[in-house]
Protein backbone atom coordinates (compact mmCIF):
# COMPACT_ATOMS: atom_id res chain seq x y z
CA MET A 1 -43.51 34.27 3.20
CA SER A 2 -44.83 35.95 0.06
CA ASN A 3 -46.53 33.76 -2.54
CA SER A 4 -44.09 35.31 -5.02
CA THR A 5 -41.09 33.55 -3.45
CA THR A 6 -39.97 30.62 -5.58
CA VAL A 7 -36.82 28.52 -5.18
CA PHE A 8 -35.14 25.80 -7.25
CA VAL A 9 -33.23 23.17 -5.21
CA THR A 10 -30.92 20.52 -6.67
CA GLY A 11 -30.34 17.28 -4.77
CA ALA A 12 -33.82 17.60 -3.28
CA GLY A 13 -34.38 13.85 -3.11
CA SER A 14 -32.31 13.21 0.01
CA GLY A 15 -29.91 14.54 2.61
CA ILE A 16 -29.26 18.27 2.85
CA GLY A 17 -31.20 18.97 -0.33
CA ARG A 18 -34.32 17.20 0.93
CA ALA A 19 -34.10 18.91 4.31
CA THR A 20 -33.63 22.30 2.65
CA ALA A 21 -36.45 21.88 0.15
CA THR A 22 -38.80 20.69 2.89
CA LEU A 23 -37.94 23.50 5.30
CA LEU A 24 -38.39 26.14 2.60
CA ALA A 25 -41.74 24.68 1.54
CA ASP A 26 -42.89 24.59 5.16
CA ARG A 27 -41.96 28.27 5.45
CA GLY A 28 -44.17 29.17 2.50
CA TYR A 29 -41.78 29.06 -0.45
CA ALA A 30 -42.85 27.49 -3.73
CA VAL A 31 -40.11 24.89 -4.23
CA ALA A 32 -38.99 23.07 -7.35
CA GLY A 33 -36.93 20.01 -6.48
CA PHE A 34 -34.43 18.52 -8.93
CA ASP A 35 -32.75 15.15 -8.42
CA ARG A 36 -31.42 12.24 -10.46
CA ASN A 37 -33.58 9.98 -8.27
CA GLY A 38 -36.96 10.69 -9.79
CA ALA A 39 -38.91 8.60 -7.28
CA ALA A 40 -37.34 10.38 -4.31
CA VAL A 41 -37.90 13.90 -5.59
CA THR A 42 -41.46 13.05 -6.62
CA GLU A 43 -42.07 11.72 -3.11
CA PHE A 44 -40.84 15.05 -1.73
CA ALA A 45 -43.17 17.07 -3.97
CA ASP A 46 -46.17 14.83 -3.26
CA GLU A 47 -45.59 15.15 0.48
CA ILE A 48 -45.43 18.95 0.33
CA ASN A 49 -48.45 19.28 -1.95
CA SER A 50 -50.50 16.86 0.18
CA ARG A 51 -50.26 19.24 3.13
CA GLY A 52 -51.12 22.36 1.20
CA GLY A 53 -47.68 23.50 0.09
CA ARG A 54 -46.43 24.16 -3.42
CA ALA A 55 -43.81 21.91 -4.95
CA LEU A 56 -42.66 20.67 -8.32
CA ALA A 57 -40.45 17.65 -9.02
CA TRP A 58 -37.93 17.36 -11.85
CA GLU A 59 -35.82 14.28 -12.53
CA GLY A 60 -32.39 14.96 -13.98
CA ASP A 61 -28.64 14.99 -13.52
CA VAL A 62 -26.88 18.21 -12.49
CA THR A 63 -24.04 17.38 -14.87
CA ASP A 64 -26.49 17.75 -17.79
CA THR A 65 -26.43 21.47 -18.60
CA ALA A 66 -29.47 21.33 -20.86
CA ALA A 67 -31.54 19.31 -18.37
CA VAL A 68 -30.88 21.78 -15.55
CA ALA A 69 -31.65 24.79 -17.74
CA SER A 70 -34.84 23.19 -19.01
CA ALA A 71 -36.10 22.39 -15.52
CA VAL A 72 -35.34 25.94 -14.33
CA ASP A 73 -37.13 27.44 -17.35
CA GLN A 74 -40.14 25.17 -16.85
CA THR A 75 -40.27 26.19 -13.20
CA VAL A 76 -40.31 29.86 -14.22
CA ALA A 77 -43.00 29.14 -16.81
CA HIS A 78 -45.11 27.45 -14.13
CA TRP A 79 -44.76 30.04 -11.34
CA GLY A 80 -43.86 33.14 -13.35
CA HIS A 81 -40.41 33.85 -11.92
CA LEU A 82 -37.56 32.56 -9.77
CA THR A 83 -36.29 34.29 -6.63
CA GLY A 84 -33.80 31.73 -5.32
CA ALA A 85 -31.63 28.80 -6.36
CA VAL A 86 -29.87 26.33 -4.07
CA ALA A 87 -27.16 23.93 -5.27
CA CYS A 88 -27.26 20.95 -2.89
CA ALA A 89 -26.51 18.00 -5.17
CA GLY A 90 -23.22 16.27 -4.40
CA ILE A 91 -21.42 12.94 -4.28
CA GLU A 92 -18.73 11.43 -2.10
CA VAL A 93 -15.35 10.62 -3.67
CA VAL A 94 -12.84 9.30 -1.13
CA GLY A 95 -9.11 8.94 -1.72
CA GLY A 96 -5.81 10.72 -2.19
CA VAL A 97 -4.28 11.35 -5.61
CA LEU A 98 -2.59 7.95 -5.78
CA ASP A 99 -5.81 6.20 -4.79
CA LEU A 100 -7.96 7.85 -7.46
CA ASP A 101 -8.44 7.13 -11.13
CA PHE A 102 -8.88 10.06 -13.46
CA GLU A 103 -12.51 8.99 -13.82
CA ASP A 104 -12.99 9.43 -10.04
CA TRP A 105 -11.43 12.89 -10.22
CA GLN A 106 -13.59 13.87 -13.18
CA ARG A 107 -16.76 12.50 -11.58
CA SER A 108 -16.19 14.58 -8.43
CA LEU A 109 -15.61 17.76 -10.38
CA SER A 110 -18.53 17.09 -12.72
CA VAL A 111 -21.11 16.66 -9.98
CA ASN A 112 -19.73 18.70 -7.09
CA ALA A 113 -18.41 21.68 -9.07
CA SER A 114 -19.83 21.68 -12.59
CA GLY A 115 -23.26 20.85 -11.19
CA VAL A 116 -23.17 24.13 -9.27
CA PHE A 117 -22.03 25.97 -12.39
CA ASN A 118 -24.88 24.46 -14.41
CA LEU A 119 -27.47 25.65 -11.88
CA ALA A 120 -25.89 29.10 -11.78
CA LYS A 121 -25.88 29.26 -15.57
CA GLY A 122 -29.54 28.34 -15.79
CA ALA A 123 -30.79 30.36 -12.83
CA LEU A 124 -28.83 33.62 -13.02
CA PRO A 125 -30.84 35.27 -15.84
CA HIS A 126 -34.00 34.79 -13.77
CA LEU A 127 -32.34 35.82 -10.50
CA ILE A 128 -31.10 39.01 -12.11
CA THR A 129 -34.68 39.82 -13.10
CA SER A 130 -35.99 39.14 -9.58
CA ARG A 131 -32.88 40.45 -7.75
CA GLY A 132 -32.78 37.07 -6.08
CA SER A 133 -30.37 34.89 -4.15
CA PHE A 134 -28.08 31.98 -5.04
CA VAL A 135 -26.78 29.58 -2.37
CA ALA A 136 -24.38 26.68 -2.88
CA ILE A 137 -23.54 23.92 -0.44
CA ALA A 138 -19.77 23.42 -0.33
CA SER A 139 -18.02 21.97 2.73
CA ASP A 140 -15.37 22.71 5.32
CA ALA A 141 -13.31 20.76 2.76
CA GLY A 142 -13.78 23.81 0.55
CA THR A 143 -11.92 26.03 2.99
CA GLU A 144 -9.03 23.76 3.98
CA GLY A 145 -7.48 20.47 2.93
CA ALA A 146 -8.66 17.08 4.16
CA GLN A 147 -6.40 14.06 4.21
CA GLY A 148 -7.64 11.37 1.83
CA TYR A 149 -10.23 13.55 0.06
CA ALA A 150 -8.22 15.08 -2.80
CA ALA A 151 -10.89 15.18 -5.50
CA TYR A 152 -13.66 16.14 -3.09
CA CYS A 153 -11.60 19.01 -1.63
CA ALA A 154 -10.66 20.26 -5.08
CA ALA A 155 -14.29 20.32 -6.18
CA LYS A 156 -15.51 22.09 -3.03
CA HIS A 157 -12.72 24.69 -3.27
CA ALA A 158 -13.92 25.29 -6.84
CA VAL A 159 -17.45 25.92 -5.56
CA VAL A 160 -16.20 28.50 -3.06
CA GLY A 161 -14.24 30.32 -5.77
CA LEU A 162 -17.17 30.19 -8.19
CA VAL A 163 -19.61 31.67 -5.68
CA LYS A 164 -17.21 34.43 -4.63
CA SER A 165 -16.78 35.39 -8.29
CA MET A 166 -20.55 35.37 -8.79
CA ALA A 167 -20.90 37.71 -5.81
CA LEU A 168 -18.54 40.17 -7.48
CA ASP A 169 -19.99 39.79 -10.97
CA HIS A 170 -23.68 40.01 -10.11
CA GLY A 171 -23.95 41.92 -6.86
CA VAL A 172 -24.41 45.13 -8.84
CA GLN A 173 -27.42 43.46 -10.47
CA GLY A 174 -28.96 42.80 -7.07
CA VAL A 175 -28.15 39.08 -6.94
CA ARG A 176 -26.64 37.79 -3.69
CA SER A 177 -24.42 34.70 -3.96
CA ASN A 178 -23.29 32.84 -0.84
CA VAL A 179 -21.91 29.45 0.10
CA VAL A 180 -22.64 27.24 3.11
CA CYS A 181 -19.71 25.14 4.34
CA PRO A 182 -20.80 22.34 6.66
CA SER A 183 -18.57 19.77 8.28
CA PHE A 184 -19.80 16.18 8.16
CA VAL A 185 -23.59 16.05 8.28
CA GLU A 186 -25.75 13.13 9.44
CA THR A 187 -26.83 12.10 5.93
CA PRO A 188 -26.80 8.92 3.81
CA MET A 189 -23.73 10.32 2.01
CA ALA A 190 -21.75 10.54 5.26
CA THR A 191 -22.81 6.99 6.10
CA ARG A 192 -21.51 5.77 2.74
CA ILE A 193 -18.20 7.59 3.26
CA PHE A 194 -17.56 6.00 6.65
CA ASP A 195 -18.69 2.59 5.44
CA SER A 196 -15.81 2.75 2.93
CA THR A 197 -13.13 3.98 5.36
CA ALA A 198 -11.19 2.44 8.23
CA PRO A 199 -13.04 1.61 11.48
CA GLY A 200 -13.06 4.51 13.90
CA GLU A 201 -12.82 7.26 11.29
CA ALA A 202 -16.30 8.60 12.03
CA GLU A 203 -15.46 8.82 15.73
CA PHE A 204 -12.20 10.59 14.93
CA TYR A 205 -13.93 13.29 12.91
CA ARG A 206 -16.55 13.77 15.62
CA ASP A 207 -13.85 14.11 18.27
CA VAL A 208 -12.09 16.99 16.47
CA ILE A 209 -15.30 19.05 16.39
CA PRO A 210 -15.50 21.11 19.61
CA MET A 211 -19.25 20.46 19.89
CA GLY A 212 -18.59 16.73 19.69
CA ARG A 213 -21.07 15.77 16.98
CA PHE A 214 -21.87 16.11 13.28
CA ALA A 215 -24.34 18.65 11.93
CA LEU A 216 -27.97 17.74 11.33
CA PRO A 217 -29.46 18.32 7.85
CA ASP A 218 -32.03 20.71 9.27
CA GLU A 219 -29.27 22.87 10.79
CA VAL A 220 -27.75 23.32 7.34
CA ALA A 221 -31.18 23.96 5.84
CA LYS A 222 -31.80 26.79 8.31
CA ALA A 223 -28.55 28.47 7.25
CA VAL A 224 -29.67 28.25 3.63
CA ALA A 225 -33.07 29.72 4.50
CA HIS A 226 -31.37 32.63 6.26
CA LEU A 227 -29.22 33.38 3.21
CA LEU A 228 -32.25 33.27 0.92
CA GLY A 229 -34.36 35.53 3.09
CA PRO A 230 -34.60 39.26 3.79
CA ASP A 231 -32.61 39.07 7.04
CA SER A 232 -29.46 38.60 4.93
CA SER A 233 -30.23 41.37 2.44
CA PHE A 234 -26.66 42.77 2.52
CA THR A 235 -24.88 39.42 2.74
CA ASN A 236 -22.99 38.64 -0.47
CA GLY A 237 -19.95 36.44 -1.12
CA MET A 238 -20.08 34.97 2.38
CA LEU A 239 -18.79 31.58 3.54
CA TYR A 240 -21.20 30.38 6.21
CA ALA A 241 -19.56 27.63 8.30
CA ILE A 242 -21.89 25.09 9.92
CA ASP A 243 -19.23 23.01 11.59
CA GLY A 244 -19.52 23.19 15.38
CA GLY A 245 -16.26 25.13 15.54
CA GLY A 246 -14.31 22.55 13.57
CA THR A 247 -12.49 25.12 11.42
CA ALA A 248 -12.05 27.73 14.15
CA GLY A 249 -8.53 26.52 14.92
CA PHE A 250 -6.55 23.69 16.45
CA TYR A 251 -8.65 21.73 18.92
CA ARG A 252 -7.34 19.05 21.27
CA PRO A 253 -10.14 16.67 22.35
CA ALA A 254 -10.38 16.16 26.09
C-alpha cells in the first residue's frame, strides 16, 4: 500500500471500527481513529505505532459536527491529505415505536445517521481533492425492516439513502461512496442488544441466517478494505451485504 494512503475511521475504539482500523493499518494505510472512548482509541493507535505502523487517535463524539471536522482537518494537516473515510460509529437502540421515547429515537438518529453525515461533511472536501473513497457501515436493517428495532432501522435506512445520494453527487468528482450492510456481528454492541432482549433471541437470529452464524468483525473490515482499495475502482453507490445470505430471501431453518 502506498505511503500516500490515509484513512479516517470513526468508532475505532471497539467492534467493527477497531477491526477495520487495525486491518487497514496492518495493510499499510495511515489510519486516524476517532472515538468517544479516548482510552480505547489511544490504545489502538499505540498498538499500531508500536509495531511500526502509522496511527493517530482523536477523542470525540460523532454527533459533534465541529469536533469531527477538526479531527479530520488535523489529520490532513499531519499527513498532508486524506484518501478515505469510514463511518463505523454506531449505537444500539432496541424497541418498537410504542416502546421508545422521543429521546431514544433522537439518540439513534443523531449517532447512527447524523454521525455519518458529519464525517461526510468534514471529509468530502479532502476526498474530492484526492479522488478518494467514502464507506459507511449501515446494516441489513438498512435494507429491510426489523421487528422491534424501529429507531435503529430508520437510522440505518437514512445512511443507505445518504450514501446513494453522495454517490450521485460526487461520483463526477472522482469520489466513490459505498455502504456495507452486515447482519448481526460478534461485537460488544450485539452482546448488549441480546442482553436486553428475551432469552433465545440471539439463537433465533442465528438460525435465520443460512450460514448459521453471525459475522465476525474482521469479515466486515475486509469488505471495507475492498471498497477503499483499487480493486473496487468502478464501484460507486453499492450496498455490500455481509450477512451470510440472511437477506437473500425467505429461509426455513432445518
